């Protein structure tokens, strides 16, 4: 999952840098509330038999609501809400994208034996409720993240506090690591957008130029896009691996936890939370600051 989200966030950056932090704010909020709700309700996965489970790695997690259904609902809806009116394209394209994306993700969880239909419906409706309540404040949050003097300190402290709270809701499961990844990525991307904004690397178009028309698709444009994705992917994966190699032994040493068995050591909050939070915080920061700066420096931004 971590590799998928890393690649997805980088591809989102490729679409438009100024909108990716907004999308990530929504994604972090939806996923965090979904994961915490799982640990509060504690509804087990569908029983096997009769369900045939094709994926057993996440069997220790709870089932209600489906966070895959939540992200599969929130991301396409948010993409359409954020881009329509800013970019010139037929609304019907967005209205086709939303049910296709959402249904593919939701049906895959039933097919894999990870969720019941009730889990999927609950995840979908929960996401609609979260978007209805919090979407009007997304621009306000993003503006604060970019412009406030103490935004990085508040962002890091708030996301870390949310991570500590989520780790106290239940015993260890794979969902705790996912929650820390999500919060770390969100904090890193928000801090990266703050630095990027302060350095003037991202300039929002004036309102009188909206909606923007897309540039003509040429081989040069296509080649630059592929080059940006490849360079960005390599850089981000290198950062991820370096931070992973550093943070796990360091967290074990500080907490006096043996690191002979990495899998067992990561079941301690003192190791899992800082490892995931710092590693994916750096991944998020790289996606919104280091990678765009590299593109700007070599002339492919």
C-alpha atoms as a PDB file:
ATOM      1  CA  UNK A   1       0.000   0.000   0.000  1.00  0.00           C
ATOM      2  CA  UNK A   2       2.814   2.396   0.879  1.00  0.00           C
ATOM      3  CA  UNK A   3       4.425   2.018  -2.554  1.00  0.00           C
ATOM      4  CA  UNK A   4       1.053   2.525  -4.262  1.00  0.00           C
ATOM      5  CA  UNK A   5       0.342   5.742  -2.381  1.00  0.00           C
ATOM      6  CA  UNK A   6       3.868   7.012  -3.044  1.00  0.00           C
ATOM      7  CA  UNK A   7       3.390   6.470  -6.780  1.00  0.00           C
ATOM      8  CA  UNK A   8      -0.144   7.874  -6.715  1.00  0.00           C
ATOM      9  CA  UNK A   9       0.882  11.072  -4.943  1.00  0.00           C
ATOM     10  CA  UNK A  10       3.748  11.578  -7.378  1.00  0.00           C
ATOM     11  CA  UNK A  11       1.426  11.119 -10.365  1.00  0.00           C
ATOM     12  CA  UNK A  12      -1.022  13.574  -8.787  1.00  0.00           C
ATOM     13  CA  UNK A  13       1.831  16.069  -8.570  1.00  0.00           C
ATOM     14  CA  UNK A  14       2.375  15.595 -12.295  1.00  0.00           C
ATOM     15  CA  UNK A  15      -1.176  16.821 -12.989  1.00  0.00           C
ATOM     16  CA  UNK A  16      -0.840  20.125 -11.124  1.00  0.00           C
ATOM     17  CA  UNK A  17       1.389  20.984  -8.182  1.00  0.00           C
ATOM     18  CA  UNK A  18      -0.840  23.693  -6.716  1.00  0.00           C
ATOM     19  CA  UNK A  19      -3.832  21.335  -6.354  1.00  0.00           C
ATOM     20  CA  UNK A  20      -2.085  18.234  -5.001  1.00  0.00           C
ATOM     21  CA  UNK A  21      -1.838  19.589  -1.404  1.00  0.00           C
ATOM     22  CA  UNK A  22      -5.595  20.238  -1.450  1.00  0.00           C
ATOM     23  CA  UNK A  23      -6.276  16.678  -2.583  1.00  0.00           C
ATOM     24  CA  UNK A  24      -3.916  15.318   0.068  1.00  0.00           C
ATOM     25  CA  UNK A  25      -5.677  17.287   2.847  1.00  0.00           C
ATOM     26  CA  UNK A  26      -8.923  15.541   1.897  1.00  0.00           C
ATOM     27  CA  UNK A  27      -7.235  12.140   1.530  1.00  0.00           C
ATOM     28  CA  UNK A  28      -5.532  12.375   4.948  1.00  0.00           C
ATOM     29  CA  UNK A  29      -8.737  13.486   6.667  1.00  0.00           C
ATOM     30  CA  UNK A  30     -10.875  10.752   5.104  1.00  0.00           C
ATOM     31  CA  UNK A  31      -8.352   7.964   5.673  1.00  0.00           C
ATOM     32  CA  UNK A  32      -7.541   8.995   9.248  1.00  0.00           C
ATOM     33  CA  UNK A  33     -11.191   9.154  10.287  1.00  0.00           C
ATOM     34  CA  UNK A  34     -11.821   5.840   8.541  1.00  0.00           C
ATOM     35  CA  UNK A  35      -8.917   4.063  10.260  1.00  0.00           C
ATOM     36  CA  UNK A  36      -9.843   5.435  13.696  1.00  0.00           C
ATOM     37  CA  UNK A  37     -13.490   4.480  13.205  1.00  0.00           C
ATOM     38  CA  UNK A  38     -12.392   0.929  12.377  1.00  0.00           C
ATOM     39  CA  UNK A  39     -10.504   0.677  15.674  1.00  0.00           C
ATOM     40  CA  UNK A  40     -13.493   2.032  17.605  1.00  0.00           C
ATOM     41  CA  UNK A  41     -16.174  -0.189  16.006  1.00  0.00           C
ATOM     42  CA  UNK A  42     -13.866  -3.279  15.843  1.00  0.00           C
ATOM     43  CA  UNK A  43     -15.970  -5.134  13.294  1.00  0.00           C
ATOM     44  CA  UNK A  44     -14.053  -8.270  12.162  1.00  0.00           C
ATOM     45  CA  UNK A  45     -13.311  -9.217   8.571  1.00  0.00           C
ATOM     46  CA  UNK A  46     -15.809 -11.492   6.775  1.00  0.00           C
ATOM     47  CA  UNK A  47     -15.533 -15.077   8.045  1.00  0.00           C
ATOM     48  CA  UNK A  48     -13.695 -17.628   5.927  1.00  0.00           C
ATOM     49  CA  UNK A  49     -15.416 -19.937   5.075  1.00  0.00           C
ATOM     50  CA  UNK A  50     -17.809 -19.123   3.447  1.00  0.00           C
ATOM     51  CA  UNK A  51     -15.774 -16.195   2.047  1.00  0.00           C
ATOM     52  CA  UNK A  52     -12.717 -17.166   0.001  1.00  0.00           C
ATOM     53  CA  UNK A  53      -9.952 -14.702   0.912  1.00  0.00           C
ATOM     54  CA  UNK A  54      -7.437 -13.910  -1.811  1.00  0.00           C
ATOM     55  CA  UNK A  55      -5.543 -11.496   0.463  1.00  0.00           C
ATOM     56  CA  UNK A  56      -4.676 -12.448   4.052  1.00  0.00           C
ATOM     57  CA  UNK A  57      -1.900  -9.981   4.951  1.00  0.00           C
ATOM     58  CA  UNK A  58      -4.383  -7.382   6.235  1.00  0.00           C
ATOM     59  CA  UNK A  59      -6.592  -9.935   7.987  1.00  0.00           C
ATOM     60  CA  UNK A  60      -5.634  -8.556  11.416  1.00  0.00           C
ATOM     61  CA  UNK A  61      -7.340  -5.244  10.601  1.00  0.00           C
ATOM     62  CA  UNK A  62     -10.977  -4.508  11.233  1.00  0.00           C
ATOM     63  CA  UNK A  63     -13.538  -4.297   8.481  1.00  0.00           C
ATOM     64  CA  UNK A  64     -16.066  -1.508   9.099  1.00  0.00           C
ATOM     65  CA  UNK A  65     -15.924   0.913   7.304  1.00  0.00           C
ATOM     66  CA  UNK A  66     -13.872   0.017   4.232  1.00  0.00           C
ATOM     67  CA  UNK A  67     -11.093   2.612   3.986  1.00  0.00           C
ATOM     68  CA  UNK A  68     -10.391   1.450   0.423  1.00  0.00           C
ATOM     69  CA  UNK A  69     -13.984   2.344  -0.439  1.00  0.00           C
ATOM     70  CA  UNK A  70     -13.499   5.667   1.348  1.00  0.00           C
ATOM     71  CA  UNK A  71     -10.346   6.603  -0.577  1.00  0.00           C
ATOM     72  CA  UNK A  72     -11.851   5.231  -3.794  1.00  0.00           C
ATOM     73  CA  UNK A  73     -14.794   7.576  -3.291  1.00  0.00           C
ATOM     74  CA  UNK A  74     -12.998  10.637  -1.922  1.00  0.00           C
ATOM     75  CA  UNK A  75     -10.168  10.876  -4.462  1.00  0.00           C
ATOM     76  CA  UNK A  76     -12.170  10.971  -7.738  1.00  0.00           C
ATOM     77  CA  UNK A  77     -14.886  13.216  -6.292  1.00  0.00           C
ATOM     78  CA  UNK A  78     -12.260  15.610  -4.928  1.00  0.00           C
ATOM     79  CA  UNK A  79     -10.317  15.611  -8.198  1.00  0.00           C
ATOM     80  CA  UNK A  80     -13.433  16.662 -10.102  1.00  0.00           C
ATOM     81  CA  UNK A  81     -14.436  19.275  -7.494  1.00  0.00           C
ATOM     82  CA  UNK A  82     -10.933  20.767  -7.457  1.00  0.00           C
ATOM     83  CA  UNK A  83     -10.272  20.776 -11.201  1.00  0.00           C
ATOM     84  CA  UNK A  84     -13.648  21.603 -12.754  1.00  0.00           C
ATOM     85  CA  UNK A  85     -13.849  25.348 -13.263  1.00  0.00           C
ATOM     86  CA  UNK A  86     -10.079  25.618 -13.020  1.00  0.00           C
ATOM     87  CA  UNK A  87      -9.399  23.525 -16.118  1.00  0.00           C
ATOM     88  CA  UNK A  88     -11.533  23.518 -19.219  1.00  0.00           C
ATOM     89  CA  UNK A  89     -12.998  20.069 -19.848  1.00  0.00           C
ATOM     90  CA  UNK A  90     -16.516  18.618 -20.251  1.00  0.00           C
ATOM     91  CA  UNK A  91     -18.126  17.871 -16.881  1.00  0.00           C
ATOM     92  CA  UNK A  92     -19.395  14.563 -18.244  1.00  0.00           C
ATOM     93  CA  UNK A  93     -15.808  13.251 -18.184  1.00  0.00           C
ATOM     94  CA  UNK A  94     -15.664  13.804 -14.444  1.00  0.00           C
ATOM     95  CA  UNK A  95     -19.114  12.316 -13.913  1.00  0.00           C
ATOM     96  CA  UNK A  96     -17.972   9.191 -15.766  1.00  0.00           C
ATOM     97  CA  UNK A  97     -14.672   9.015 -13.859  1.00  0.00           C
ATOM     98  CA  UNK A  98     -16.261   9.066 -10.388  1.00  0.00           C
ATOM     99  CA  UNK A  99     -18.501   5.946 -10.621  1.00  0.00           C
ATOM    100  CA  UNK A 100     -15.920   4.003 -12.658  1.00  0.00           C
ATOM    101  CA  UNK A 101     -13.080   4.642 -10.198  1.00  0.00           C
ATOM    102  CA  UNK A 102     -15.280   4.159  -7.137  1.00  0.00           C
ATOM    103  CA  UNK A 103     -16.928   0.943  -8.336  1.00  0.00           C
ATOM    104  CA  UNK A 104     -13.634  -0.647  -9.414  1.00  0.00           C
ATOM    105  CA  UNK A 105     -12.046  -0.037  -5.999  1.00  0.00           C
ATOM    106  CA  UNK A 106     -15.128  -1.116  -4.042  1.00  0.00           C
ATOM    107  CA  UNK A 107     -15.778  -4.266  -6.063  1.00  0.00           C
ATOM    108  CA  UNK A 108     -12.121  -5.283  -5.783  1.00  0.00           C
ATOM    109  CA  UNK A 109     -12.412  -5.393  -1.972  1.00  0.00           C
ATOM    110  CA  UNK A 110     -15.433  -7.700  -2.171  1.00  0.00           C
ATOM    111  CA  UNK A 111     -13.660  -9.879  -4.758  1.00  0.00           C
ATOM    112  CA  UNK A 112     -10.545 -10.127  -2.551  1.00  0.00           C
ATOM    113  CA  UNK A 113     -12.698 -11.234   0.393  1.00  0.00           C
ATOM    114  CA  UNK A 114     -11.647  -8.304   2.568  1.00  0.00           C
ATOM    115  CA  UNK A 115     -15.010  -6.570   2.991  1.00  0.00           C
ATOM    116  CA  UNK A 116     -18.722  -7.233   2.969  1.00  0.00           C
ATOM    117  CA  UNK A 117     -21.173  -5.192   0.924  1.00  0.00           C
ATOM    118  CA  UNK A 118     -22.221  -3.447   4.148  1.00  0.00           C
ATOM    119  CA  UNK A 119     -18.595  -2.347   4.784  1.00  0.00           C
ATOM    120  CA  UNK A 120     -18.434  -0.864   1.285  1.00  0.00           C
ATOM    121  CA  UNK A 121     -21.744   0.986   1.595  1.00  0.00           C
ATOM    122  CA  UNK A 122     -20.751   2.335   5.015  1.00  0.00           C
ATOM    123  CA  UNK A 123     -17.392   3.532   3.659  1.00  0.00           C
ATOM    124  CA  UNK A 124     -19.060   5.254   0.708  1.00  0.00           C
ATOM    125  CA  UNK A 125     -21.697   7.034   2.813  1.00  0.00           C
ATOM    126  CA  UNK A 126     -19.154   7.963   5.504  1.00  0.00           C
ATOM    127  CA  UNK A 127     -16.984   9.609   2.850  1.00  0.00           C
ATOM    128  CA  UNK A 128     -19.899  11.603   1.452  1.00  0.00           C
ATOM    129  CA  UNK A 129     -20.646  12.836   4.991  1.00  0.00           C
ATOM    130  CA  UNK A 130     -17.000  13.814   5.620  1.00  0.00           C
ATOM    131  CA  UNK A 131     -16.776  15.665   2.296  1.00  0.00           C
ATOM    132  CA  UNK A 132     -20.061  17.475   2.936  1.00  0.00           C
ATOM    133  CA  UNK A 133     -18.815  18.698   6.332  1.00  0.00           C
ATOM    134  CA  UNK A 134     -15.136  19.423   5.663  1.00  0.00           C
ATOM    135  CA  UNK A 135     -14.776  20.227   1.941  1.00  0.00           C
ATOM    136  CA  UNK A 136     -15.825  23.903   2.385  1.00  0.00           C
ATOM    137  CA  UNK A 137     -12.810  24.361   4.703  1.00  0.00           C
ATOM    138  CA  UNK A 138     -10.175  22.745   2.461  1.00  0.00           C
ATOM    139  CA  UNK A 139      -9.108  26.016   0.807  1.00  0.00           C
ATOM    140  CA  UNK A 140      -8.841  27.670   4.223  1.00  0.00           C
ATOM    141  CA  UNK A 141      -6.637  24.838   5.531  1.00  0.00           C
ATOM    142  CA  UNK A 142      -4.432  24.923   2.442  1.00  0.00           C
ATOM    143  CA  UNK A 143      -4.050  28.703   2.653  1.00  0.00           C
ATOM    144  CA  UNK A 144      -3.016  28.388   6.304  1.00  0.00           C
ATOM    145  CA  UNK A 145      -0.503  25.639   5.463  1.00  0.00           C
ATOM    146  CA  UNK A 146       1.109  27.785   2.779  1.00  0.00           C
ATOM    147  CA  UNK A 147       1.112  31.249   4.317  1.00  0.00           C
ATOM    148  CA  UNK A 148       1.180  31.086   8.119  1.00  0.00           C
ATOM    149  CA  UNK A 149       4.579  31.711   9.681  1.00  0.00           C
ATOM    150  CA  UNK A 150       4.331  28.841  12.151  1.00  0.00           C
ATOM    151  CA  UNK A 151       2.432  26.463   9.860  1.00  0.00           C
ATOM    152  CA  UNK A 152       5.210  23.794   9.658  1.00  0.00           C
ATOM    153  CA  UNK A 153       5.438  23.502  13.458  1.00  0.00           C
ATOM    154  CA  UNK A 154       1.660  23.290  13.826  1.00  0.00           C
ATOM    155  CA  UNK A 155       1.371  20.786  10.967  1.00  0.00           C
ATOM    156  CA  UNK A 156       4.067  18.479  12.360  1.00  0.00           C
ATOM    157  CA  UNK A 157       2.754  18.705  15.931  1.00  0.00           C
ATOM    158  CA  UNK A 158      -0.894  18.155  14.978  1.00  0.00           C
ATOM    159  CA  UNK A 159      -0.235  15.164  12.717  1.00  0.00           C
ATOM    160  CA  UNK A 160       2.058  13.596  15.323  1.00  0.00           C
ATOM    161  CA  UNK A 161      -0.559  14.059  18.061  1.00  0.00           C
ATOM    162  CA  UNK A 162      -3.201  12.454  15.839  1.00  0.00           C
ATOM    163  CA  UNK A 163      -0.837   9.526  15.251  1.00  0.00           C
ATOM    164  CA  UNK A 164      -0.220   9.002  18.974  1.00  0.00           C
ATOM    165  CA  UNK A 165      -3.977   9.110  19.619  1.00  0.00           C
ATOM    166  CA  UNK A 166      -4.730   6.548  16.902  1.00  0.00           C
ATOM    167  CA  UNK A 167      -2.061   4.182  18.254  1.00  0.00           C
ATOM    168  CA  UNK A 168      -3.826   4.100  21.650  1.00  0.00           C
ATOM    169  CA  UNK A 169      -7.203   2.996  20.251  1.00  0.00           C
ATOM    170  CA  UNK A 170      -6.346  -0.696  19.931  1.00  0.00           C
ATOM    171  CA  UNK A 171      -3.565  -3.290  19.947  1.00  0.00           C
ATOM    172  CA  UNK A 172      -1.084  -3.621  17.087  1.00  0.00           C
ATOM    173  CA  UNK A 173      -2.337  -4.265  13.571  1.00  0.00           C
ATOM    174  CA  UNK A 174      -1.194  -3.379  10.072  1.00  0.00           C
ATOM    175  CA  UNK A 175      -3.633  -0.456  10.079  1.00  0.00           C
ATOM    176  CA  UNK A 176      -1.505   1.396  12.660  1.00  0.00           C
ATOM    177  CA  UNK A 177       1.399   1.566  10.229  1.00  0.00           C
ATOM    178  CA  UNK A 178      -0.925   2.692   7.438  1.00  0.00           C
ATOM    179  CA  UNK A 179      -2.298   5.466   9.662  1.00  0.00           C
ATOM    180  CA  UNK A 180       1.210   6.689  10.517  1.00  0.00           C
ATOM    181  CA  UNK A 181       2.135   6.622   6.802  1.00  0.00           C
ATOM    182  CA  UNK A 182      -0.907   8.676   5.889  1.00  0.00           C
ATOM    183  CA  UNK A 183      -0.267  11.255   8.614  1.00  0.00           C
ATOM    184  CA  UNK A 184       3.448  11.443   7.815  1.00  0.00           C
ATOM    185  CA  UNK A 185       2.761  11.890   4.101  1.00  0.00           C
ATOM    186  CA  UNK A 186       0.170  14.564   4.831  1.00  0.00           C
ATOM    187  CA  UNK A 187       2.518  16.467   7.143  1.00  0.00           C
ATOM    188  CA  UNK A 188       5.416  16.240   4.686  1.00  0.00           C
ATOM    189  CA  UNK A 189       3.347  17.384   1.720  1.00  0.00           C
ATOM    190  CA  UNK A 190       1.840  20.285   3.687  1.00  0.00           C
ATOM    191  CA  UNK A 191       5.298  21.416   4.876  1.00  0.00           C
ATOM    192  CA  UNK A 192       6.672  21.016   1.357  1.00  0.00           C
ATOM    193  CA  UNK A 193       3.882  23.146  -0.098  1.00  0.00           C
ATOM    194  CA  UNK A 194       4.662  25.808   2.537  1.00  0.00           C
ATOM    195  CA  UNK A 195       8.342  25.976   1.519  1.00  0.00           C
ATOM    196  CA  UNK A 196       7.488  25.807  -2.191  1.00  0.00           C
ATOM    197  CA  UNK A 197       5.024  28.690  -1.817  1.00  0.00           C
ATOM    198  CA  UNK A 198       7.510  30.800   0.168  1.00  0.00           C
ATOM    199  CA  UNK A 199      10.166  30.264  -2.518  1.00  0.00           C
ATOM    200  CA  UNK A 200       7.739  31.244  -5.288  1.00  0.00           C
ATOM    201  CA  UNK A 201       8.015  27.951  -7.167  1.00  0.00           C
ATOM    202  CA  UNK A 202       4.228  27.728  -7.515  1.00  0.00           C
ATOM    203  CA  UNK A 203       2.181  30.672  -8.736  1.00  0.00           C
ATOM    204  CA  UNK A 204      -1.604  30.377  -8.887  1.00  0.00           C
ATOM    205  CA  UNK A 205      -3.148  31.800 -12.072  1.00  0.00           C
ATOM    206  CA  UNK A 206      -5.285  34.911 -11.689  1.00  0.00           C
ATOM    207  CA  UNK A 207      -9.043  34.387 -11.540  1.00  0.00           C
ATOM    208  CA  UNK A 208      -9.651  36.166 -14.850  1.00  0.00           C
ATOM    209  CA  UNK A 209      -7.593  33.512 -16.684  1.00  0.00           C
ATOM    210  CA  UNK A 210      -9.782  30.639 -15.455  1.00  0.00           C
ATOM    211  CA  UNK A 211     -10.748  28.125 -16.684  1.00  0.00           C
ATOM    212  CA  UNK A 212      -7.363  27.159 -18.090  1.00  0.00           C
ATOM    213  CA  UNK A 213      -7.173  25.278 -21.352  1.00  0.00           C
ATOM    214  CA  UNK A 214      -4.840  22.308 -21.478  1.00  0.00           C
ATOM    215  CA  UNK A 215      -1.669  22.594 -23.573  1.00  0.00           C
ATOM    216  CA  UNK A 216      -1.637  20.771 -26.919  1.00  0.00           C
ATOM    217  CA  UNK A 217      -0.420  17.188 -26.559  1.00  0.00           C
ATOM    218  CA  UNK A 218       2.895  16.910 -28.390  1.00  0.00           C
ATOM    219  CA  UNK A 219       5.760  14.435 -28.271  1.00  0.00           C
ATOM    220  CA  UNK A 220       7.829  17.024 -26.386  1.00  0.00           C
ATOM    221  CA  UNK A 221       5.139  17.472 -23.734  1.00  0.00           C
ATOM    222  CA  UNK A 222       4.643  13.716 -23.452  1.00  0.00           C
ATOM    223  CA  UNK A 223       8.384  13.119 -23.189  1.00  0.00           C
ATOM    224  CA  UNK A 224       8.779  15.730 -20.446  1.00  0.00           C
ATOM    225  CA  UNK A 225       5.896  14.200 -18.493  1.00  0.00           C
ATOM    226  CA  UNK A 226       7.428  10.718 -18.657  1.00  0.00           C
ATOM    227  CA  UNK A 227      10.845  12.110 -17.729  1.00  0.00           C
ATOM    228  CA  UNK A 228       9.401  13.956 -14.731  1.00  0.00           C
ATOM    229  CA  UNK A 229       7.626  10.839 -13.492  1.00  0.00           C
ATOM    230  CA  UNK A 230      10.745   8.666 -13.873  1.00  0.00           C
ATOM    231  CA  UNK A 231      13.100  11.160 -12.207  1.00  0.00           C
ATOM    232  CA  UNK A 232      10.603  11.868  -9.450  1.00  0.00           C
ATOM    233  CA  UNK A 233       9.933   8.179  -8.833  1.00  0.00           C
ATOM    234  CA  UNK A 234      13.612   7.291  -8.579  1.00  0.00           C
ATOM    235  CA  UNK A 235      14.356  10.217  -6.252  1.00  0.00           C
ATOM    236  CA  UNK A 236      11.393   9.524  -3.974  1.00  0.00           C
ATOM    237  CA  UNK A 237      12.125   5.785  -3.730  1.00  0.00           C
ATOM    238  CA  UNK A 238      15.770   6.513  -2.887  1.00  0.00           C
ATOM    239  CA  UNK A 239      14.665   8.922  -0.138  1.00  0.00           C
ATOM    240  CA  UNK A 240      12.185   6.338   1.160  1.00  0.00           C
ATOM    241  CA  UNK A 241      14.775   3.556   1.335  1.00  0.00           C
ATOM    242  CA  UNK A 242      17.422   5.762   2.974  1.00  0.00           C
ATOM    243  CA  UNK A 243      15.003   7.004   5.635  1.00  0.00           C
ATOM    244  CA  UNK A 244      13.780   3.463   6.256  1.00  0.00           C
ATOM    245  CA  UNK A 245      17.360   2.249   6.821  1.00  0.00           C
ATOM    246  CA  UNK A 246      18.031   5.112   9.245  1.00  0.00           C
ATOM    247  CA  UNK A 247      14.824   5.448  11.264  1.00  0.00           C
ATOM    248  CA  UNK A 248      14.151   1.835  12.304  1.00  0.00           C
ATOM    249  CA  UNK A 249      17.561   1.169  13.967  1.00  0.00           C
ATOM    250  CA  UNK A 250      17.565   4.677  15.450  1.00  0.00           C
ATOM    251  CA  UNK A 251      14.081   4.284  16.944  1.00  0.00           C
ATOM    252  CA  UNK A 252      15.033   0.857  18.334  1.00  0.00           C
ATOM    253  CA  UNK A 253      18.197   2.272  19.891  1.00  0.00           C
ATOM    254  CA  UNK A 254      16.436   5.250  21.484  1.00  0.00           C
ATOM    255  CA  UNK A 255      13.641   3.033  22.854  1.00  0.00           C
ATOM    256  CA  UNK A 256      15.994   0.191  23.945  1.00  0.00           C
ATOM    257  CA  UNK A 257      14.091  -2.306  21.797  1.00  0.00           C
ATOM    258  CA  UNK A 258      16.053  -5.148  20.125  1.00  0.00           C
ATOM    259  CA  UNK A 259      16.107  -4.707  16.341  1.00  0.00           C
ATOM    260  CA  UNK A 260      17.257  -8.238  15.472  1.00  0.00           C
ATOM    261  CA  UNK A 261      13.712  -9.017  14.319  1.00  0.00           C
ATOM    262  CA  UNK A 262      12.520  -5.905  12.460  1.00  0.00           C
ATOM    263  CA  UNK A 263       8.949  -7.183  12.074  1.00  0.00           C
ATOM    264  CA  UNK A 264       8.636  -7.768  15.814  1.00  0.00           C
ATOM    265  CA  UNK A 265      10.309  -4.460  16.702  1.00  0.00           C
ATOM    266  CA  UNK A 266       7.832  -2.560  14.520  1.00  0.00           C
ATOM    267  CA  UNK A 267       4.954  -3.841  16.646  1.00  0.00           C
ATOM    268  CA  UNK A 268       6.055  -1.357  19.323  1.00  0.00           C
ATOM    269  CA  UNK A 269       4.568   2.137  19.003  1.00  0.00           C
ATOM    270  CA  UNK A 270       7.963   3.626  19.910  1.00  0.00           C
ATOM    271  CA  UNK A 271       9.389   2.156  16.687  1.00  0.00           C
ATOM    272  CA  UNK A 272       6.450   1.991  14.281  1.00  0.00           C
ATOM    273  CA  UNK A 273       5.195   5.560  14.719  1.00  0.00           C
ATOM    274  CA  UNK A 274       8.517   7.435  14.292  1.00  0.00           C
ATOM    275  CA  UNK A 275       9.655   5.100  11.499  1.00  0.00           C
ATOM    276  CA  UNK A 276       6.521   5.535   9.416  1.00  0.00           C
ATOM    277  CA  UNK A 277       5.945   9.173  10.314  1.00  0.00           C
ATOM    278  CA  UNK A 278       9.494  10.387   9.588  1.00  0.00           C
ATOM    279  CA  UNK A 279      10.048   8.204   6.516  1.00  0.00           C
ATOM    280  CA  UNK A 280       6.822   9.146   4.773  1.00  0.00           C
ATOM    281  CA  UNK A 281       7.056  12.703   6.017  1.00  0.00           C
ATOM    282  CA  UNK A 282      10.285  12.968   4.035  1.00  0.00           C
ATOM    283  CA  UNK A 283       8.631  11.246   1.071  1.00  0.00           C
ATOM    284  CA  UNK A 284       5.814  13.813   1.141  1.00  0.00           C
ATOM    285  CA  UNK A 285       8.243  16.708   1.539  1.00  0.00           C
ATOM    286  CA  UNK A 286      10.281  15.413  -1.399  1.00  0.00           C
ATOM    287  CA  UNK A 287       7.184  15.160  -3.593  1.00  0.00           C
ATOM    288  CA  UNK A 288       6.130  18.775  -3.034  1.00  0.00           C
ATOM    289  CA  UNK A 289       9.515  20.467  -2.666  1.00  0.00           C
ATOM    290  CA  UNK A 290      12.664  18.569  -3.664  1.00  0.00           C
ATOM    291  CA  UNK A 291      11.223  16.969  -6.809  1.00  0.00           C
ATOM    292  CA  UNK A 292       9.651  20.197  -8.200  1.00  0.00           C
ATOM    293  CA  UNK A 293      12.890  22.043  -7.388  1.00  0.00           C
ATOM    294  CA  UNK A 294      14.877  19.438  -9.348  1.00  0.00           C
ATOM    295  CA  UNK A 295      12.471  19.857 -12.276  1.00  0.00           C
ATOM    296  CA  UNK A 296      12.879  23.638 -12.088  1.00  0.00           C
ATOM    297  CA  UNK A 297      16.676  23.350 -11.875  1.00  0.00           C
ATOM    298  CA  UNK A 298      17.042  21.074 -14.929  1.00  0.00           C
ATOM    299  CA  UNK A 299      14.393  22.924 -16.938  1.00  0.00           C
ATOM    300  CA  UNK A 300      11.585  20.372 -17.241  1.00  0.00           C
ATOM    301  CA  UNK A 301       9.063  21.973 -14.866  1.00  0.00           C
END
